[in-house]
Amino acid sequence: MKYLMIALAIVALPAQAFDWPWEKKPQENYSYCKGFVHSGLASTAMTDGARIKLWMDWNSATRAQIAHGELDQAQYDAGMNSFSALLASNDTDGILEVVDGDCDYDNG
């Protein structure tokens, strides 16, 4: 029984290293994130660690935007409006969810 468990572990573990088609993440929307972060940096409500995180995301989105093409103005405006709406409703958890989730490209 012990050998069966070891054999199953050896066979099953490498399967996790593959990117299966059904596991693909949605394509990143750099223009949206750039607009969202721009609004966050323009706001005085974002302070301390949150502001540092916004700067890191701004840098990542800008680098990715340069590598992947031009800015989509409609998505940029949508990102700005999204931040403004979340701020107006005092939804700091929603703001952090976008910053830490959708717009966290390579900041670990």
N, C-alpha and C. Protein backbone atom coordinates (compact mmCIF):
# COMPACT_ATOMS: atom_id res chain seq x y z
N MET A 1 0.82 -1.19 0.00
CA MET A 1 0.00 0.00 0.00
C MET A 1 0.87 1.26 0.00
N LYS A 2 1.95 1.20 0.77
CA LYS A 2 2.85 2.34 0.85
C LYS A 2 3.44 2.65 -0.53
N TYR A 3 3.81 1.60 -1.27
CA TYR A 3 4.40 1.80 -2.60
C TYR A 3 3.38 2.34 -3.60
N LEU A 4 2.14 1.93 -3.43
CA LEU A 4 1.08 2.44 -4.30
C LEU A 4 0.90 3.94 -4.10
N MET A 5 0.92 4.40 -2.87
CA MET A 5 0.78 5.82 -2.56
C MET A 5 1.95 6.62 -3.14
N ILE A 6 3.15 6.09 -3.02
CA ILE A 6 4.33 6.76 -3.56
C ILE A 6 4.25 6.82 -5.08
N ALA A 7 3.84 5.73 -5.71
CA ALA A 7 3.72 5.70 -7.17
C ALA A 7 2.66 6.69 -7.64
N LEU A 8 1.54 6.77 -6.96
CA LEU A 8 0.49 7.74 -7.33
C LEU A 8 0.98 9.17 -7.17
N ALA A 9 1.73 9.43 -6.12
CA ALA A 9 2.27 10.78 -5.91
C ALA A 9 3.25 11.15 -7.02
N ILE A 10 4.09 10.20 -7.42
CA ILE A 10 5.07 10.46 -8.47
C ILE A 10 4.37 10.73 -9.80
N VAL A 11 3.30 10.02 -10.07
CA VAL A 11 2.57 10.18 -11.33
C VAL A 11 1.72 11.45 -11.30
N ALA A 12 1.11 11.77 -10.17
CA ALA A 12 0.17 12.88 -10.09
C ALA A 12 0.85 14.25 -9.98
N LEU A 13 1.97 14.34 -9.33
CA LEU A 13 2.60 15.64 -9.11
C LEU A 13 3.01 16.35 -10.40
N PRO A 14 3.61 15.69 -11.38
CA PRO A 14 3.98 16.42 -12.60
C PRO A 14 2.78 16.94 -13.39
N ALA A 15 1.62 16.35 -13.22
CA ALA A 15 0.44 16.81 -13.93
C ALA A 15 0.07 18.23 -13.52
N GLN A 16 0.45 18.65 -12.33
CA GLN A 16 0.14 19.99 -11.87
C GLN A 16 1.00 21.06 -12.54
N ALA A 17 2.06 20.67 -13.20
CA ALA A 17 2.97 21.63 -13.82
C ALA A 17 2.48 22.10 -15.18
N PHE A 18 1.44 21.51 -15.70
CA PHE A 18 0.95 21.88 -17.03
C PHE A 18 -0.11 22.96 -16.94
N ASP A 19 -0.15 23.82 -17.96
CA ASP A 19 -1.22 24.80 -18.09
C ASP A 19 -2.30 24.21 -18.97
N TRP A 20 -3.36 23.73 -18.36
CA TRP A 20 -4.44 23.12 -19.11
C TRP A 20 -5.30 24.21 -19.73
N PRO A 21 -5.88 23.97 -20.90
CA PRO A 21 -6.69 24.99 -21.59
C PRO A 21 -7.85 25.52 -20.75
N TRP A 22 -8.45 24.68 -19.94
CA TRP A 22 -9.58 25.12 -19.13
C TRP A 22 -9.14 25.89 -17.89
N GLU A 23 -7.84 25.97 -17.65
CA GLU A 23 -7.33 26.71 -16.50
C GLU A 23 -6.77 28.07 -16.88
N LYS A 24 -6.90 28.46 -18.13
CA LYS A 24 -6.32 29.74 -18.56
C LYS A 24 -6.98 30.90 -17.86
N LYS A 25 -6.15 31.85 -17.45
CA LYS A 25 -6.64 33.06 -16.83
C LYS A 25 -7.18 33.99 -17.92
N PRO A 26 -8.15 34.82 -17.57
CA PRO A 26 -8.61 35.78 -18.56
C PRO A 26 -7.47 36.74 -18.92
N GLN A 27 -7.53 37.24 -20.12
CA GLN A 27 -6.46 38.13 -20.58
C GLN A 27 -6.43 39.40 -19.74
N GLU A 28 -5.23 39.80 -19.39
CA GLU A 28 -5.08 40.99 -18.57
C GLU A 28 -5.52 42.22 -19.34
N ASN A 29 -6.13 43.15 -18.62
CA ASN A 29 -6.58 44.38 -19.23
C ASN A 29 -5.74 45.51 -18.67
N TYR A 30 -4.62 45.75 -19.33
CA TYR A 30 -3.67 46.73 -18.83
C TYR A 30 -4.25 48.15 -18.86
N SER A 31 -5.03 48.46 -19.87
CA SER A 31 -5.61 49.80 -19.97
C SER A 31 -6.55 50.06 -18.81
N TYR A 32 -7.38 49.08 -18.47
CA TYR A 32 -8.31 49.22 -17.34
C TYR A 32 -7.54 49.45 -16.05
N CYS A 33 -6.54 48.63 -15.82
CA CYS A 33 -5.76 48.73 -14.59
C CYS A 33 -4.99 50.04 -14.51
N LYS A 34 -4.50 50.47 -15.64
CA LYS A 34 -3.76 51.73 -15.65
C LYS A 34 -4.68 52.89 -15.28
N GLY A 35 -5.91 52.88 -15.79
CA GLY A 35 -6.89 53.91 -15.42
C GLY A 35 -7.29 53.82 -13.97
N PHE A 36 -7.49 52.58 -13.48
CA PHE A 36 -7.87 52.37 -12.09
C PHE A 36 -6.78 52.89 -11.15
N VAL A 37 -5.56 52.52 -11.44
CA VAL A 37 -4.44 52.92 -10.58
C VAL A 37 -4.19 54.42 -10.68
N HIS A 38 -4.36 54.99 -11.87
CA HIS A 38 -4.19 56.44 -12.04
C HIS A 38 -5.15 57.20 -11.13
N SER A 39 -6.41 56.75 -11.09
CA SER A 39 -7.38 57.40 -10.21
C SER A 39 -6.99 57.22 -8.75
N GLY A 40 -6.47 56.05 -8.41
CA GLY A 40 -6.05 55.81 -7.03
C GLY A 40 -4.91 56.70 -6.61
N LEU A 41 -3.97 56.89 -7.52
CA LEU A 41 -2.84 57.76 -7.20
C LEU A 41 -3.25 59.23 -7.14
N ALA A 42 -4.27 59.60 -7.90
CA ALA A 42 -4.75 60.98 -7.88
C ALA A 42 -5.56 61.28 -6.63
N SER A 43 -6.04 60.24 -5.96
CA SER A 43 -6.86 60.41 -4.78
C SER A 43 -6.00 60.54 -3.53
N THR A 44 -6.39 61.44 -2.66
CA THR A 44 -5.67 61.60 -1.39
C THR A 44 -6.14 60.57 -0.36
N ALA A 45 -7.19 59.81 -0.69
CA ALA A 45 -7.70 58.80 0.24
C ALA A 45 -6.77 57.59 0.35
N MET A 46 -5.97 57.36 -0.66
CA MET A 46 -5.06 56.22 -0.65
C MET A 46 -3.74 56.66 -0.03
N THR A 47 -3.38 56.03 1.09
CA THR A 47 -2.17 56.44 1.82
C THR A 47 -1.33 55.22 2.17
N ASP A 48 -0.14 55.50 2.63
CA ASP A 48 0.78 54.51 3.19
C ASP A 48 1.02 53.32 2.26
N GLY A 49 0.83 52.12 2.77
CA GLY A 49 1.13 50.90 2.01
C GLY A 49 0.28 50.75 0.78
N ALA A 50 -0.98 51.20 0.86
CA ALA A 50 -1.86 51.11 -0.31
C ALA A 50 -1.33 51.98 -1.45
N ARG A 51 -0.80 53.13 -1.12
CA ARG A 51 -0.26 54.03 -2.14
C ARG A 51 1.00 53.43 -2.78
N ILE A 52 1.83 52.81 -1.97
CA ILE A 52 3.04 52.15 -2.49
C ILE A 52 2.63 51.03 -3.43
N LYS A 53 1.63 50.24 -3.03
CA LYS A 53 1.13 49.16 -3.88
C LYS A 53 0.59 49.70 -5.19
N LEU A 54 -0.10 50.83 -5.15
CA LEU A 54 -0.61 51.45 -6.38
C LEU A 54 0.54 51.85 -7.30
N TRP A 55 1.60 52.41 -6.75
CA TRP A 55 2.75 52.78 -7.57
C TRP A 55 3.38 51.55 -8.22
N MET A 56 3.48 50.47 -7.45
CA MET A 56 4.04 49.24 -8.01
C MET A 56 3.17 48.72 -9.15
N ASP A 57 1.85 48.76 -8.96
CA ASP A 57 0.94 48.31 -10.01
C ASP A 57 0.97 49.24 -11.21
N TRP A 58 1.14 50.53 -10.96
CA TRP A 58 1.26 51.49 -12.07
C TRP A 58 2.48 51.15 -12.92
N ASN A 59 3.60 50.89 -12.27
CA ASN A 59 4.82 50.54 -13.01
C ASN A 59 4.63 49.26 -13.80
N SER A 60 4.03 48.25 -13.19
CA SER A 60 3.81 46.98 -13.88
C SER A 60 2.87 47.14 -15.07
N ALA A 61 1.78 47.87 -14.87
CA ALA A 61 0.82 48.07 -15.96
C ALA A 61 1.45 48.87 -17.09
N THR A 62 2.27 49.85 -16.77
CA THR A 62 2.92 50.66 -17.80
C THR A 62 3.91 49.83 -18.60
N ARG A 63 4.72 49.02 -17.92
CA ARG A 63 5.66 48.14 -18.63
C ARG A 63 4.92 47.15 -19.52
N ALA A 64 3.87 46.57 -18.99
CA ALA A 64 3.09 45.60 -19.78
C ALA A 64 2.40 46.28 -20.95
N GLN A 65 1.91 47.49 -20.74
CA GLN A 65 1.24 48.23 -21.80
C GLN A 65 2.21 48.49 -22.95
N ILE A 66 3.42 48.86 -22.65
CA ILE A 66 4.42 49.11 -23.68
C ILE A 66 4.71 47.83 -24.45
N ALA A 67 4.79 46.72 -23.75
CA ALA A 67 5.10 45.44 -24.40
C ALA A 67 3.94 44.90 -25.24
N HIS A 68 2.70 45.21 -24.85
CA HIS A 68 1.55 44.59 -25.51
C HIS A 68 0.79 45.53 -26.45
N GLY A 69 1.17 46.75 -26.56
CA GLY A 69 0.48 47.60 -27.52
C GLY A 69 -0.03 48.89 -26.91
N GLU A 70 -0.95 49.49 -27.65
CA GLU A 70 -1.43 50.82 -27.30
C GLU A 70 -2.50 50.79 -26.21
N LEU A 71 -2.72 51.94 -25.66
CA LEU A 71 -3.71 52.13 -24.61
C LEU A 71 -5.11 52.13 -25.23
N ASP A 72 -6.02 51.38 -24.63
CA ASP A 72 -7.43 51.38 -25.03
C ASP A 72 -8.12 52.43 -24.16
N GLN A 73 -8.42 53.57 -24.77
CA GLN A 73 -8.94 54.71 -24.01
C GLN A 73 -10.25 54.39 -23.31
N ALA A 74 -11.12 53.61 -23.93
CA ALA A 74 -12.40 53.27 -23.30
C ALA A 74 -12.18 52.45 -22.03
N GLN A 75 -11.26 51.49 -22.09
CA GLN A 75 -10.96 50.68 -20.91
C GLN A 75 -10.25 51.49 -19.83
N TYR A 76 -9.39 52.41 -20.25
CA TYR A 76 -8.71 53.30 -19.31
C TYR A 76 -9.74 54.13 -18.54
N ASP A 77 -10.70 54.71 -19.27
CA ASP A 77 -11.75 55.50 -18.64
C ASP A 77 -12.62 54.63 -17.72
N ALA A 78 -12.88 53.39 -18.15
CA ALA A 78 -13.67 52.46 -17.32
C ALA A 78 -12.95 52.17 -16.01
N GLY A 79 -11.64 52.01 -16.06
CA GLY A 79 -10.86 51.80 -14.84
C GLY A 79 -10.92 52.99 -13.91
N MET A 80 -10.80 54.20 -14.48
CA MET A 80 -10.89 55.41 -13.67
C MET A 80 -12.27 55.53 -13.02
N ASN A 81 -13.31 55.26 -13.79
CA ASN A 81 -14.68 55.35 -13.26
C ASN A 81 -14.93 54.29 -12.20
N SER A 82 -14.37 53.11 -12.38
CA SER A 82 -14.53 52.04 -11.41
C SER A 82 -13.92 52.43 -10.07
N PHE A 83 -12.71 52.99 -10.09
CA PHE A 83 -12.09 53.42 -8.84
C PHE A 83 -12.94 54.50 -8.18
N SER A 84 -13.39 55.47 -8.96
CA SER A 84 -14.20 56.56 -8.40
C SER A 84 -15.48 56.03 -7.77
N ALA A 85 -16.12 55.05 -8.41
CA ALA A 85 -17.35 54.48 -7.87
C ALA A 85 -17.08 53.72 -6.56
N LEU A 86 -16.00 52.95 -6.53
CA LEU A 86 -15.67 52.21 -5.31
C LEU A 86 -15.31 53.17 -4.17
N LEU A 87 -14.60 54.24 -4.49
CA LEU A 87 -14.23 55.22 -3.48
C LEU A 87 -15.45 55.95 -2.96
N ALA A 88 -16.37 56.31 -3.85
CA ALA A 88 -17.58 57.01 -3.45
C ALA A 88 -18.45 56.16 -2.53
N SER A 89 -18.42 54.84 -2.73
CA SER A 89 -19.22 53.96 -1.88
C SER A 89 -18.43 53.45 -0.67
N ASN A 90 -17.24 54.00 -0.45
CA ASN A 90 -16.36 53.61 0.67
C ASN A 90 -16.06 52.12 0.68
N ASP A 91 -15.93 51.53 -0.50
CA ASP A 91 -15.66 50.09 -0.61
C ASP A 91 -14.14 49.87 -0.72
N THR A 92 -13.46 50.01 0.41
CA THR A 92 -12.01 49.83 0.39
C THR A 92 -11.63 48.38 0.11
N ASP A 93 -12.47 47.45 0.53
CA ASP A 93 -12.19 46.04 0.22
C ASP A 93 -12.24 45.80 -1.28
N GLY A 94 -13.18 46.44 -1.95
CA GLY A 94 -13.28 46.30 -3.41
C GLY A 94 -12.08 46.90 -4.11
N ILE A 95 -11.60 48.03 -3.61
CA ILE A 95 -10.41 48.67 -4.19
C ILE A 95 -9.21 47.75 -4.03
N LEU A 96 -9.02 47.23 -2.83
CA LEU A 96 -7.89 46.34 -2.58
C LEU A 96 -8.00 45.04 -3.37
N GLU A 97 -9.22 44.58 -3.59
CA GLU A 97 -9.41 43.36 -4.38
C GLU A 97 -8.93 43.56 -5.82
N VAL A 98 -9.23 44.72 -6.39
CA VAL A 98 -8.77 45.00 -7.76
C VAL A 98 -7.26 45.17 -7.77
N VAL A 99 -6.73 45.91 -6.81
CA VAL A 99 -5.30 46.17 -6.76
C VAL A 99 -4.50 44.88 -6.53
N ASP A 100 -4.96 44.07 -5.60
CA ASP A 100 -4.23 42.85 -5.26
C ASP A 100 -4.53 41.68 -6.20
N GLY A 101 -5.65 41.73 -6.87
CA GLY A 101 -6.05 40.63 -7.74
C GLY A 101 -5.88 40.94 -9.21
N ASP A 102 -6.81 41.68 -9.75
CA ASP A 102 -6.86 41.92 -11.20
C ASP A 102 -5.65 42.69 -11.72
N CYS A 103 -5.12 43.59 -10.94
CA CYS A 103 -4.05 44.46 -11.44
C CYS A 103 -2.68 44.14 -10.83
N ASP A 104 -2.53 42.98 -10.25
CA ASP A 104 -1.25 42.58 -9.65
C ASP A 104 -0.52 41.68 -10.63
N TYR A 105 0.25 42.25 -11.54
CA TYR A 105 0.85 41.49 -12.64
C TYR A 105 2.12 40.75 -12.25
N ASP A 106 3.04 41.41 -11.61
CA ASP A 106 4.27 40.72 -11.25
C ASP A 106 4.85 41.20 -9.94
N ASN A 107 3.99 41.64 -9.07
CA ASN A 107 4.47 42.16 -7.79
C ASN A 107 4.44 41.13 -6.68
N GLY A 108 4.03 39.90 -7.01
CA GLY A 108 4.04 38.81 -6.03
C GLY A 108 3.30 39.05 -4.83
